[in-house]
Amino acid sequence: MHARLLTNELRVTRHIMDDSLCPRCKYQDESILHTIRDCEDVKKVWNQFIHHDHWAKFFSLGLHDWIEFNLKGQNLKAPVGFWSSFFGIMVYHLWNDRNNLVFGRSSMLQTGLIY
């Protein structure tokens, strides 16, 4: 929520590395939202749990509003009960999977085990 996850975009800003591209798609800069929501591989995961009527709002909010919207989860009508807990767990696993990919371990998304 405070935009402190050390994505490639932030690493470039801090002069830690030269490449800000997403390690998954290698197409767009790796921002926090790209990593846990907007990357095409990650969208496939979210699309399984978000009713298509809510995709426009779910995929358009900024970071702070997106997190707040999902933690409240009152208007989402997702097929999963206790959405706020599920959301937090999914974000954790998506970030963890990204780190596994970056640091040379296997990615569950790339092997198709998450979705």
Protein backbone atom coordinates (compact mmCIF):
# COMPACT_ATOMS: atom_id res chain seq x y z
CA MET A 1 0.00 0.00 0.00
CA HIS A 2 3.00 2.27 0.55
CA ALA A 3 4.56 1.33 -2.83
CA ARG A 4 7.69 -0.14 -1.27
CA LEU A 5 7.89 -3.53 -2.93
CA LEU A 6 11.24 -3.72 -4.68
CA THR A 7 10.04 -4.23 -8.24
CA ASN A 8 12.38 -3.80 -11.20
CA GLU A 9 10.90 -0.35 -11.80
CA LEU A 10 11.93 0.73 -8.28
CA ARG A 11 15.29 -1.03 -8.58
CA VAL A 12 16.08 1.06 -11.68
CA THR A 13 15.05 4.23 -9.83
CA ARG A 14 17.46 3.31 -7.02
CA HIS A 15 20.24 2.50 -9.55
CA ILE A 16 20.37 -1.15 -8.47
CA MET A 17 19.81 -2.41 -12.00
CA ASP A 18 19.34 -1.18 -15.57
CA ASP A 19 16.33 -3.15 -16.74
CA SER A 20 12.85 -2.28 -15.48
CA LEU A 21 10.99 -4.89 -17.55
CA CYS A 22 8.73 -7.49 -15.99
CA PRO A 23 10.58 -10.80 -15.57
CA ARG A 24 7.42 -12.69 -16.59
CA CYS A 25 6.27 -11.02 -19.79
CA LYS A 26 9.43 -9.02 -20.56
CA TYR A 27 7.13 -6.52 -22.26
CA GLN A 28 6.16 -3.79 -19.75
CA ASP A 29 7.88 -2.10 -16.83
CA GLU A 30 7.49 -4.06 -13.63
CA SER A 31 5.51 -1.81 -11.32
CA ILE A 32 3.74 -3.13 -8.24
CA LEU A 33 0.37 -3.23 -10.00
CA HIS A 34 1.87 -4.89 -13.05
CA THR A 35 3.42 -7.58 -10.85
CA ILE A 36 0.35 -8.47 -8.78
CA ARG A 37 -2.50 -7.55 -11.15
CA ASP A 38 -1.78 -6.36 -14.69
CA CYS A 39 0.77 -8.77 -16.17
CA GLU A 40 -1.07 -11.01 -18.66
CA ASP A 41 -0.03 -14.19 -16.79
CA VAL A 42 -1.31 -12.75 -13.51
CA LYS A 43 -4.56 -11.51 -15.10
CA LYS A 44 -5.34 -15.10 -16.07
CA VAL A 45 -5.27 -16.02 -12.38
CA TRP A 46 -7.46 -13.10 -11.26
CA ASN A 47 -9.93 -13.69 -14.10
CA GLN A 48 -10.75 -17.08 -12.61
CA PHE A 49 -12.01 -15.47 -9.40
CA ILE A 50 -13.48 -12.14 -10.48
CA HIS A 51 -16.88 -12.15 -12.15
CA HIS A 52 -16.53 -10.64 -15.64
CA ASP A 53 -19.00 -7.87 -14.70
CA HIS A 54 -16.33 -6.53 -12.30
CA TRP A 55 -13.23 -6.83 -14.51
CA ALA A 56 -13.36 -3.19 -15.67
CA LYS A 57 -13.28 -1.81 -12.15
CA PHE A 58 -10.93 -4.46 -10.76
CA PHE A 59 -8.31 -3.83 -13.47
CA SER A 60 -8.59 -0.04 -13.62
CA LEU A 61 -8.10 1.24 -10.06
CA GLY A 62 -4.83 2.70 -8.84
CA LEU A 63 -2.80 0.79 -6.24
CA HIS A 64 -4.22 2.36 -3.07
CA ASP A 65 -7.84 2.30 -4.28
CA TRP A 66 -7.45 -1.24 -5.63
CA ILE A 67 -6.18 -2.58 -2.32
CA GLU A 68 -8.84 -0.73 -0.35
CA PHE A 69 -11.60 -1.90 -2.72
CA ASN A 70 -10.52 -5.53 -2.38
CA LEU A 71 -10.02 -5.46 1.37
CA LYS A 72 -13.54 -4.13 1.78
CA GLY A 73 -14.75 -6.61 -0.86
CA GLN A 74 -18.38 -5.68 -0.26
CA ASN A 75 -19.40 -5.07 -3.86
CA LEU A 76 -17.23 -7.60 -5.67
CA LYS A 77 -19.59 -10.58 -5.85
CA ALA A 78 -16.69 -12.94 -6.40
CA PRO A 79 -17.35 -16.69 -6.17
CA VAL A 80 -15.07 -16.97 -3.15
CA GLY A 81 -16.34 -16.29 0.38
CA PHE A 82 -14.18 -14.13 2.66
CA TRP A 83 -12.83 -12.20 -0.30
CA SER A 84 -10.56 -9.88 1.71
CA SER A 85 -8.64 -12.84 3.17
CA PHE A 86 -8.46 -14.60 -0.19
CA PHE A 87 -7.26 -11.37 -1.83
CA GLY A 88 -4.45 -10.92 0.69
CA ILE A 89 -3.32 -14.52 0.29
CA MET A 90 -3.37 -14.24 -3.52
CA VAL A 91 -1.31 -11.04 -3.50
CA TYR A 92 1.21 -12.70 -1.18
CA HIS A 93 1.49 -15.78 -3.41
CA LEU A 94 1.78 -13.72 -6.59
CA TRP A 95 4.59 -11.62 -5.10
CA ASN A 96 6.30 -14.74 -3.75
CA ASP A 97 6.01 -16.44 -7.14
CA ARG A 98 7.54 -13.38 -8.80
CA ASN A 99 10.47 -13.56 -6.39
CA ASN A 100 10.92 -17.26 -7.10
CA LEU A 101 11.12 -16.42 -10.80
CA VAL A 102 13.57 -13.54 -10.29
CA PHE A 103 15.87 -15.42 -7.93
CA GLY A 104 16.17 -18.54 -10.02
CA ARG A 105 13.65 -20.87 -8.49
CA SER A 106 10.65 -22.23 -10.34
CA SER A 107 7.59 -20.08 -10.94
CA MET A 108 4.23 -21.70 -10.23
CA LEU A 109 2.61 -19.42 -12.84
CA GLN A 110 5.05 -20.43 -15.53
CA THR A 111 4.56 -24.11 -14.83
CA GLY A 112 0.76 -23.63 -14.80
CA LEU A 113 0.34 -24.86 -11.23
CA ILE A 114 -1.42 -21.76 -9.89
CA TYR A 115 -4.27 -21.63 -12.37
